[in-house]
Protein backbone atom coordinates (compact mmCIF):
# COMPACT_ATOMS: atom_id res chain seq x y z
CA MET A 1 -44.59 -171.96 24.99
CA LYS A 2 -41.91 -170.86 26.92
CA PRO A 3 -39.53 -173.15 28.18
CA ARG A 4 -39.04 -173.90 32.19
CA LEU A 5 -35.95 -172.20 33.22
CA VAL A 6 -33.81 -174.54 35.24
CA ALA A 7 -31.49 -173.36 37.90
CA LEU A 8 -28.13 -175.08 38.17
CA LEU A 9 -25.43 -174.73 40.48
CA ALA A 10 -21.98 -173.21 39.73
CA GLY A 11 -19.30 -175.66 39.10
CA ALA A 12 -21.82 -178.32 37.96
CA LEU A 13 -20.20 -181.38 35.75
CA VAL A 14 -20.65 -181.14 32.10
CA LEU A 15 -19.68 -184.30 30.32
CA THR A 16 -19.09 -184.30 26.54
CA VAL A 17 -19.30 -186.98 23.79
CA PRO A 18 -16.43 -188.35 22.24
CA GLY A 19 -14.61 -185.42 20.30
CA ALA A 20 -16.81 -182.81 21.41
CA THR A 21 -16.14 -179.42 23.97
CA ALA A 22 -17.27 -178.98 26.86
CA HIS A 23 -19.31 -175.56 27.52
CA ALA A 24 -17.92 -173.27 30.08
CA THR A 25 -19.58 -173.86 33.50
CA ALA A 26 -23.00 -171.80 34.17
CA GLN A 27 -22.51 -169.13 36.21
CA THR A 28 -26.12 -167.71 36.26
CA THR A 29 -29.74 -169.09 35.73
CA GLY A 30 -30.06 -167.64 32.56
CA GLN A 31 -27.05 -169.24 31.13
CA ALA A 32 -27.68 -172.42 32.59
CA ALA A 33 -31.31 -172.28 31.07
CA GLY A 34 -29.53 -171.28 27.60
CA GLN A 35 -27.01 -174.06 28.08
CA ALA A 36 -29.62 -176.69 28.56
CA THR A 37 -31.92 -175.57 25.82
CA GLY A 38 -28.94 -175.47 23.67
CA GLN A 39 -28.35 -179.18 24.29
CA ALA A 40 -31.66 -180.08 23.77
CA ALA A 41 -31.78 -178.54 20.30
CA GLY A 42 -28.57 -180.97 19.58
CA GLN A 43 -25.59 -178.93 20.35
CA ALA A 44 -22.23 -181.14 20.77
CA THR A 45 -22.31 -181.15 24.22
CA VAL A 46 -24.79 -183.24 26.55
CA ALA A 47 -25.12 -182.58 30.59
CA ASP A 48 -25.35 -185.78 32.89
CA THR A 49 -26.29 -182.79 35.56
CA PRO A 50 -28.77 -182.77 38.29
CA GLY A 51 -32.33 -181.19 37.45
CA LEU A 52 -31.87 -182.09 33.35
CA PRO A 53 -32.35 -184.89 31.25
CA GLY A 54 -29.81 -187.60 30.65
CA ARG A 55 -27.81 -187.45 27.72
CA ASN A 56 -30.13 -188.68 25.37
CA ASN A 57 -33.42 -187.71 27.27
CA ALA A 58 -34.59 -191.76 27.05
CA ILE A 59 -34.92 -194.69 29.20
CA THR A 60 -31.71 -195.74 27.76
CA ASP A 61 -30.20 -193.33 29.56
CA VAL A 62 -30.70 -195.53 32.73
CA PRO A 63 -27.57 -197.70 33.37
CA GLY A 64 -28.17 -201.38 32.27
CA VAL A 65 -31.19 -200.24 29.91
CA LYS A 66 -31.46 -201.02 26.17
CA VAL A 67 -34.33 -200.60 23.96
CA GLY A 68 -35.34 -202.27 20.37
CA GLN A 69 -38.37 -201.74 18.22
CA VAL A 70 -39.59 -203.11 15.01
CA GLN A 71 -42.63 -202.16 13.43
CA SER A 72 -44.68 -202.07 9.53
CA ALA A 73 -47.00 -199.16 8.54
CA LYS A 74 -47.40 -200.84 5.08
CA ALA A 75 -50.87 -202.07 4.63
CA PRO A 76 -52.47 -204.11 6.12
CA TYR A 77 -50.15 -203.70 8.59
CA LEU A 78 -50.00 -200.60 11.29
CA THR A 79 -48.52 -202.30 14.43
CA GLY A 80 -45.02 -203.16 16.07
CA THR A 81 -43.15 -204.51 19.03
CA THR A 82 -41.16 -202.40 21.54
CA VAL A 83 -38.89 -204.33 24.05
CA ILE A 84 -37.31 -202.75 27.28
CA TYR A 85 -34.17 -205.16 27.78
CA THR A 86 -32.00 -205.38 30.81
CA PRO A 87 -29.31 -207.83 30.17
CA GLN A 88 -28.49 -208.02 33.72
CA MET A 89 -31.81 -209.18 35.50
CA SER A 90 -33.71 -206.37 37.08
CA VAL A 91 -36.30 -206.14 40.15
CA THR A 92 -39.75 -204.85 38.52
CA GLY A 93 -42.96 -203.97 39.74
CA VAL A 94 -46.17 -203.52 37.88
CA ASP A 95 -49.48 -201.27 38.41
CA GLN A 96 -52.43 -201.89 36.34
CA ARG A 97 -55.81 -199.62 36.15
CA GLY A 98 -58.47 -199.13 33.37
CA GLY A 99 -60.92 -201.70 32.85
CA ALA A 100 -59.47 -203.57 29.78
CA PRO A 101 -55.96 -204.95 29.91
CA ALA A 102 -53.93 -207.32 27.70
CA THR A 103 -51.35 -208.31 29.93
CA LYS A 104 -49.24 -211.68 30.29
CA GLU A 105 -46.71 -212.64 33.38
CA THR A 106 -47.94 -209.73 35.76
CA ASP A 107 -48.61 -211.80 38.35
CA LEU A 108 -45.02 -212.50 38.73
CA LEU A 109 -44.04 -209.16 39.75
CA ASP A 110 -46.52 -209.08 43.02
CA PRO A 111 -44.10 -208.57 45.86
CA LEU A 112 -45.68 -211.67 47.52
CA ASN A 113 -44.33 -214.02 44.88
CA SER A 114 -40.88 -215.71 44.64
CA ASN A 115 -39.56 -214.29 41.05
CA PRO A 116 -36.57 -212.48 41.90
CA GLY A 117 -36.69 -210.45 38.34
CA VAL A 118 -37.02 -209.97 34.85
CA ASN A 119 -35.06 -209.86 31.76
CA ALA A 120 -37.24 -207.90 29.53
CA VAL A 121 -40.55 -206.20 29.16
CA MET A 122 -42.47 -205.80 26.24
CA LEU A 123 -44.96 -203.35 25.12
CA GLY A 124 -46.58 -204.28 21.78
CA GLY A 125 -49.48 -203.78 19.60
CA SER A 126 -51.99 -206.06 18.23
CA SER A 127 -53.67 -206.29 21.37
CA MET A 128 -54.03 -210.08 23.21
CA TYR A 129 -53.41 -211.32 19.58
CA GLY A 130 -49.80 -209.51 20.08
CA LEU A 131 -48.97 -211.16 23.34
CA ALA A 132 -47.62 -214.17 21.17
CA ALA A 133 -44.44 -211.70 19.99
CA GLY A 134 -43.35 -212.30 23.56
CA ASP A 135 -42.53 -215.94 22.85
CA GLY A 136 -39.98 -214.23 20.13
CA ILE A 137 -38.40 -212.25 23.02
CA ILE A 138 -38.15 -215.47 25.25
CA ARG A 139 -36.61 -217.41 22.32
CA TRP A 140 -33.79 -214.63 22.01
CA LEU A 141 -33.04 -214.36 25.50
CA GLU A 142 -33.22 -218.31 25.60
CA GLU A 143 -30.43 -218.97 23.11
CA ARG A 144 -28.74 -216.31 25.34
CA GLY A 145 -28.70 -218.47 28.14
CA GLU A 146 -30.07 -215.73 30.14
CA GLY A 147 -33.38 -216.32 32.63
CA VAL A 148 -33.99 -218.43 35.58
CA ARG A 149 -32.01 -221.71 35.75
CA VAL A 150 -34.70 -224.35 35.59
CA GLY A 151 -33.39 -227.88 35.31
CA ALA A 152 -31.23 -227.90 31.91
CA GLY A 153 -32.38 -224.85 30.50
CA VAL A 154 -33.66 -221.11 31.38
CA ALA A 155 -36.92 -219.57 32.00
CA PRO A 156 -36.65 -216.07 30.51
CA ILE A 157 -38.90 -213.44 32.29
CA VAL A 158 -41.00 -211.51 30.10
CA PRO A 159 -43.86 -209.74 31.00
CA ALA A 160 -45.89 -208.04 28.76
CA ALA A 161 -48.56 -205.36 27.90
CA ASP A 162 -50.23 -204.48 24.42
CA ILE A 163 -52.32 -202.13 23.27
CA PHE A 164 -55.54 -202.09 21.10
CA ASP A 165 -54.62 -201.53 17.31
CA LEU A 166 -56.35 -204.20 15.32
CA GLY A 167 -57.42 -203.10 12.08
CA ARG A 168 -55.97 -199.89 12.04
CA GLY A 169 -54.20 -200.48 9.08
CA GLY A 170 -56.53 -202.38 6.85
CA ASP A 171 -56.81 -205.87 7.93
CA PHE A 172 -58.00 -206.90 11.53
CA LYS A 173 -55.49 -210.37 11.26
CA ALA A 174 -52.38 -208.47 10.72
CA ARG A 175 -50.85 -208.75 13.81
CA THR A 176 -47.40 -209.21 15.63
CA THR A 177 -46.10 -212.72 15.65
CA PRO A 178 -43.02 -214.40 17.61
CA GLU A 179 -40.81 -213.37 14.98
CA TRP A 180 -41.58 -209.50 15.57
CA GLY A 181 -40.69 -210.02 19.27
CA TYR A 182 -37.41 -211.83 18.23
CA LEU A 183 -36.46 -209.08 15.68
CA ALA A 184 -37.37 -206.32 18.33
CA ALA A 185 -35.17 -207.89 20.84
CA GLN A 186 -32.50 -208.53 18.50
CA ALA A 187 -32.52 -204.68 17.46
CA ALA A 188 -32.05 -204.08 21.53
CA LYS A 189 -29.21 -201.17 22.21
CA GLU A 190 -28.18 -198.63 24.39
CA GLY A 191 -28.37 -194.71 23.13
CA PRO A 192 -31.04 -192.76 21.36
CA VAL A 193 -34.60 -194.29 21.09
CA ARG A 194 -36.51 -194.13 18.14
CA GLN A 195 -40.07 -191.98 19.02
CA GLY A 196 -43.39 -191.35 17.32
CA VAL A 197 -45.07 -193.77 14.94
CA VAL A 198 -42.90 -196.63 15.88
CA GLY A 199 -42.84 -200.19 17.74
CA GLY A 200 -45.67 -200.82 19.92
CA GLY A 201 -47.09 -197.36 19.35
CA THR A 202 -47.21 -197.76 15.54
CA GLY A 203 -50.85 -198.02 15.27
CA ALA A 204 -51.46 -195.97 18.48
CA ARG A 205 -54.27 -192.90 18.74
CA ALA A 206 -54.64 -190.75 21.60
CA GLY A 207 -58.09 -189.03 22.00
CA GLY A 208 -58.81 -188.86 18.58
CA LEU A 209 -55.33 -187.83 17.36
CA LYS A 210 -52.33 -189.93 16.24
CA GLY A 211 -50.52 -191.42 19.38
CA GLY A 212 -47.27 -193.66 19.31
CA VAL A 213 -43.75 -194.18 21.55
CA GLY A 214 -42.21 -191.54 23.40
CA THR A 215 -39.25 -191.31 25.80
CA ALA A 216 -37.87 -189.01 28.54
CA SER A 217 -35.57 -189.00 31.50
CA VAL A 218 -34.15 -186.69 34.50
CA ILE A 219 -30.93 -187.23 36.65
CA LEU A 220 -31.94 -186.53 40.47
CA SER A 221 -29.79 -184.92 43.08
CA ASP A 222 -27.54 -187.60 43.48
CA GLY A 223 -26.95 -188.49 40.20
CA THR A 224 -29.53 -191.26 40.25
CA VAL A 225 -31.02 -191.59 36.95
CA VAL A 226 -34.92 -191.99 36.34
CA GLY A 227 -36.26 -192.89 32.67
CA ALA A 228 -39.45 -193.69 31.03
CA ILE A 229 -41.08 -195.01 27.65
CA VAL A 230 -44.57 -194.96 27.16
CA VAL A 231 -46.92 -196.30 24.12
CA VAL A 232 -49.88 -193.58 24.22
CA ASN A 233 -52.96 -194.92 22.77
CA SER A 234 -55.79 -193.57 25.28
CA VAL A 235 -59.52 -192.88 25.40
CA GLY A 236 -58.65 -189.88 26.78
CA SER A 237 -57.07 -186.91 25.18
CA PRO A 238 -53.74 -185.17 25.85
CA VAL A 239 -54.97 -182.20 24.67
CA ASP A 240 -56.28 -179.11 27.47
CA PRO A 241 -59.13 -178.34 25.98
CA ARG A 242 -59.02 -174.53 27.25
CA ASP A 243 -56.46 -173.80 24.70
CA CYS A 244 -55.20 -177.08 22.92
CA SER A 245 -52.06 -176.82 24.50
CA LEU A 246 -50.39 -180.41 25.27
CA PHE A 247 -51.31 -181.04 29.08
CA ALA A 248 -47.36 -182.53 29.12
CA ALA A 249 -46.01 -179.35 27.97
CA ARG A 250 -46.47 -177.48 31.55
CA TYR A 251 -43.86 -180.08 32.70
CA GLU A 252 -41.36 -179.61 30.05
CA LEU A 253 -37.97 -179.61 31.39
CA ALA A 254 -34.54 -177.34 29.77
CA GLY A 255 -36.45 -176.76 26.75
CA GLU A 256 -37.00 -180.21 25.68
CA PHE A 257 -40.05 -179.54 23.62
CA ARG A 258 -38.01 -177.31 21.08
CA GLY A 259 -40.02 -174.49 20.59
CA LEU A 260 -43.62 -175.79 21.35
CA GLN A 261 -45.99 -172.98 21.79
CA THR A 262 -49.79 -172.50 22.33
CA PRO A 263 -51.90 -172.85 19.52
CA LYS A 264 -53.87 -169.88 18.35
CA ALA A 265 -57.24 -169.31 19.35
CA LYS A 266 -58.93 -170.00 15.68
CA GLU A 267 -57.22 -173.41 15.85
CA CYS A 268 -58.78 -174.20 19.09
CA GLN A 269 -62.32 -174.22 17.81
CA LYS A 270 -63.05 -178.23 17.58
CA ALA A 271 -62.17 -180.69 19.41
CA ALA A 272 -60.79 -184.07 18.25
CA ALA A 273 -62.88 -186.87 17.81
CA ALA A 274 -62.19 -189.47 20.81
CA ASP A 275 -61.84 -193.03 19.96
CA ALA A 276 -64.50 -195.46 21.03
CA PRO A 277 -63.91 -196.68 24.53
CA SER A 278 -62.93 -200.44 23.28
CA MET A 279 -60.26 -199.51 21.33
CA ASN A 280 -57.43 -198.13 23.46
CA THR A 281 -54.70 -198.40 26.38
CA THR A 282 -51.78 -196.75 27.34
CA ILE A 283 -48.64 -198.84 28.55
CA ALA A 284 -45.35 -197.84 29.72
CA VAL A 285 -42.10 -198.51 31.79
CA VAL A 286 -40.30 -196.42 34.24
CA ALA A 287 -36.70 -197.15 35.18
CA THR A 288 -34.13 -196.06 37.80
CA ASN A 289 -30.49 -197.27 38.53
CA ALA A 290 -31.29 -196.99 42.16
CA PRO A 291 -31.51 -200.34 44.01
CA LEU A 292 -35.02 -200.92 45.10
CA GLU A 293 -37.04 -204.19 46.61
CA LYS A 294 -40.13 -205.61 44.36
CA ALA A 295 -42.38 -203.76 46.83
CA ALA A 296 -40.72 -200.55 46.05
CA ALA A 297 -40.68 -201.14 42.40
CA ALA A 298 -44.50 -201.83 42.73
CA ARG A 299 -44.88 -198.36 44.50
CA MET A 300 -42.84 -196.72 41.67
CA ALA A 301 -45.18 -198.07 38.88
CA GLY A 302 -48.19 -196.88 41.17
CA ASN A 303 -46.94 -193.58 41.61
CA ALA A 304 -45.79 -193.11 38.07
CA GLN A 305 -49.90 -193.78 36.78
CA ASP A 306 -50.01 -190.22 38.42
CA GLY A 307 -47.96 -189.14 35.43
CA LEU A 308 -50.04 -190.63 33.07
CA SER A 309 -53.46 -188.65 34.70
CA ARG A 310 -51.45 -185.24 34.49
CA ALA A 311 -50.85 -185.86 30.53
CA ILE A 312 -54.05 -187.41 29.41
CA ASN A 313 -57.59 -186.90 30.33
CA PRO A 314 -59.81 -188.76 31.30
CA MET A 315 -57.47 -191.54 32.37
CA HIS A 316 -58.00 -195.14 33.38
CA THR A 317 -61.49 -195.59 31.87
CA LEU A 318 -62.98 -198.66 31.50
CA GLY A 319 -62.13 -198.93 27.85
CA ASP A 320 -58.56 -198.37 28.90
CA GLY A 321 -56.26 -200.92 30.08
CA ASP A 322 -53.47 -198.98 31.17
CA THR A 323 -50.24 -200.62 32.92
CA ILE A 324 -47.25 -199.31 34.06
CA PHE A 325 -44.16 -201.40 34.75
CA ALA A 326 -41.26 -200.07 37.04
CA THR A 327 -37.55 -201.56 36.57
CA SER A 328 -34.74 -201.29 38.92
CA THR A 329 -31.04 -202.29 37.61
CA GLY A 330 -29.50 -200.91 40.40
CA THR A 331 -26.97 -203.19 42.65
CA GLY A 332 -26.38 -203.38 46.20
CA THR A 333 -28.67 -202.95 49.61
CA PRO A 334 -32.12 -202.20 48.28
CA LEU A 335 -34.14 -199.32 49.21
CA ARG A 336 -37.47 -200.31 51.28
CA VAL A 337 -40.91 -198.76 51.62
CA ASN A 338 -40.99 -199.87 55.39
CA ASN A 339 -37.48 -198.07 56.41
CA PRO A 340 -37.83 -194.66 57.21
CA ALA A 341 -34.09 -193.98 56.20
CA ASP A 342 -35.29 -194.64 52.79
CA THR A 343 -38.58 -192.27 52.40
CA ARG A 344 -36.72 -189.67 51.16
CA LYS A 345 -34.68 -191.14 48.55
CA LEU A 346 -37.89 -193.34 47.59
CA ASN A 347 -40.04 -190.26 47.30
CA GLU A 348 -37.84 -188.60 45.19
CA ILE A 349 -37.73 -191.27 42.74
CA PHE A 350 -41.09 -192.18 42.69
CA ASN A 351 -41.87 -188.28 42.16
CA ALA A 352 -39.09 -188.16 39.17
CA GLY A 353 -40.89 -191.47 37.66
CA ALA A 354 -44.42 -189.71 37.52
CA ASP A 355 -43.02 -186.36 36.21
CA THR A 356 -40.65 -188.08 33.60
CA LEU A 357 -43.59 -190.34 32.36
CA THR A 358 -45.75 -187.00 31.74
CA ARG A 359 -42.87 -185.66 29.74
CA ALA A 360 -42.68 -189.09 27.88
CA VAL A 361 -46.55 -188.54 26.74
CA GLY A 362 -45.45 -185.24 25.44
CA HIS A 363 -42.81 -186.32 23.49
CA ALA A 364 -45.02 -189.24 22.16
CA MET A 365 -47.31 -186.69 20.55
CA LEU A 366 -44.97 -184.07 19.22
CA THR A 367 -42.74 -187.03 17.33
CA ALA A 368 -46.06 -188.54 15.98
CA THR A 369 -47.05 -188.17 12.34
CA THR A 370 -50.22 -188.36 10.48
CA VAL A 371 -51.07 -191.61 9.23
CA GLY A 372 -54.34 -192.12 7.65
CA THR A 373 -56.96 -190.50 9.16
CA ALA A 374 -55.30 -190.41 12.41
CA THR A 375 -53.97 -187.03 12.37
CA SER A 376 -51.12 -185.65 14.39
CA TYR A 377 -51.16 -182.98 16.76
CA CYS A 378 -48.51 -180.88 14.92
CA ASP A 379 -50.99 -181.27 11.96
CA ARG A 380 -54.19 -180.64 13.86
CA TYR A 381 -52.48 -177.38 15.37
CA PRO A 382 -49.92 -175.91 13.11
CA SER A 383 -49.33 -173.03 15.11
CA ALA A 384 -48.26 -174.95 17.81
CA CYS A 385 -45.45 -176.51 16.23
CA LYS A 386 -44.46 -173.64 13.68
CA LYS A 387 -41.20 -173.03 15.64
CA LEU A 388 -40.73 -176.63 16.84
CA SER A 389 -37.01 -177.69 15.75
CA PRO A 390 -36.36 -181.24 14.89
CA LEU A 391 -34.82 -183.66 17.21
CA PRO A 392 -31.15 -183.99 15.90
CA ALA A 393 -30.08 -186.54 13.71
CA ASP A 394 -27.67 -188.27 16.38
CA LYS A 395 -30.68 -188.37 18.81
CA GLN A 396 -33.48 -189.79 16.86
CA GLY A 397 -32.65 -193.70 17.35
CA GLU A 398 -33.40 -196.61 15.01
CA ALA A 399 -36.18 -198.88 14.53
CA PRO A 400 -36.07 -201.53 11.65
CA ASP A 401 -39.14 -202.32 9.63
CA VAL A 402 -40.37 -205.29 9.27
CA THR A 403 -39.99 -207.17 5.91
CA ARG A 404 -40.54 -210.34 4.32
CA ALA A 405 -36.84 -211.22 4.25
CA SER A 406 -36.53 -210.20 7.74
CA LEU A 407 -39.17 -212.62 8.99
CA ALA A 408 -37.83 -215.31 6.71
CA ALA A 409 -34.57 -215.05 8.02
CA VAL A 410 -35.83 -215.92 11.81
CA ALA A 411 -38.85 -218.11 10.98
CA ASP A 412 -37.05 -221.02 11.47
CA LYS A 413 -35.99 -220.69 15.12
CA PHE A 414 -39.58 -221.42 15.66
CA ARG A 415 -39.83 -224.77 14.13
CA ASP A 416 -37.34 -226.70 15.87
CA ALA A 417 -39.54 -228.39 18.66
CA PRO A 418 -38.50 -232.00 18.90
CA ALA A 419 -41.07 -234.37 16.70
CA LEU A 420 -43.75 -235.92 18.92
CA ALA A 421 -43.51 -240.06 18.92
CA GLU A 422 -45.21 -241.90 16.52
């Protein structure tokens, strides 16, 4: 599949990582597209240029956003936890669609309610049982004194959504717990984000294929950053049945899909079998460093649902619980949905959120690997990925596996409640 050409203005600012040498400024559209493709393939330079992905093409390109993930793919487990952490409490909205959500604390995000923001958002596995992992994130934040002041303590605000992945590693009771959430929060960092069979997407499936975690970002015309992270676990398929290409591929930016092609016709004879309607849900966070009021954050989350609909079909079924959070880390006068002076900027941000989420779905599908009977896109359609180059090592990110030792190391943190009086 040919990458979309990105036209850059002459003199666009190109930044380099420490010790790297900057490319010369692009003088033509062809030169610019070549430079962008080279950056996506892992050359030393990175671009913080309008119209291009951020330096890591990840939600962590949004200033003030960190991501932590843990997982286990050792039987009987196949699940995990992803945390999107904002050290400064961030304004957040939510939009929930589909008929079977597993969520927590979403009512706090209603613009009619008084909650000022959130400390973190959890995207997890293990369905409603896995919502318990949020307690570990809350404990980690409480230890740091982060949250809304309440009396002598703090109340960390951590809304959450989980996918259904129960029993996919063997045991229906092999689920995440508060310890998993604590370890994921402990792992939160800036920079590259691990994708594929990781974190909350470890047990994910998508329309009969292996799903997982994907992320992406883009720089807007004024330097504002928009990013997204998604756990793709859908009833619907991310694959276009007409030619077995990824729906998301048509939204590729600057060669980010690293040589993806349309599969050969002979590989596109049999569609992947979809999961049963009760086995799914796609969840995501979109983020920006533009300052948003709560109503604008809620609108951004709602618009981002269109990004899922572009990448997966069908979407928002009764067997899904699709939930999207939208987070603003910006400071200053917030952009408001009822202020005509803000309309143009808000529309640019909202549209970018939807497009970036579509691209994140594409990354989730391309980085996912086959696990058991859940076949990855690249294994199902090998000709599509024949020329696919791997992500450079310095862009792959980290996500520690949960082990007996790591669980034991934090277990005592959940046994310190005061004793009941006799």
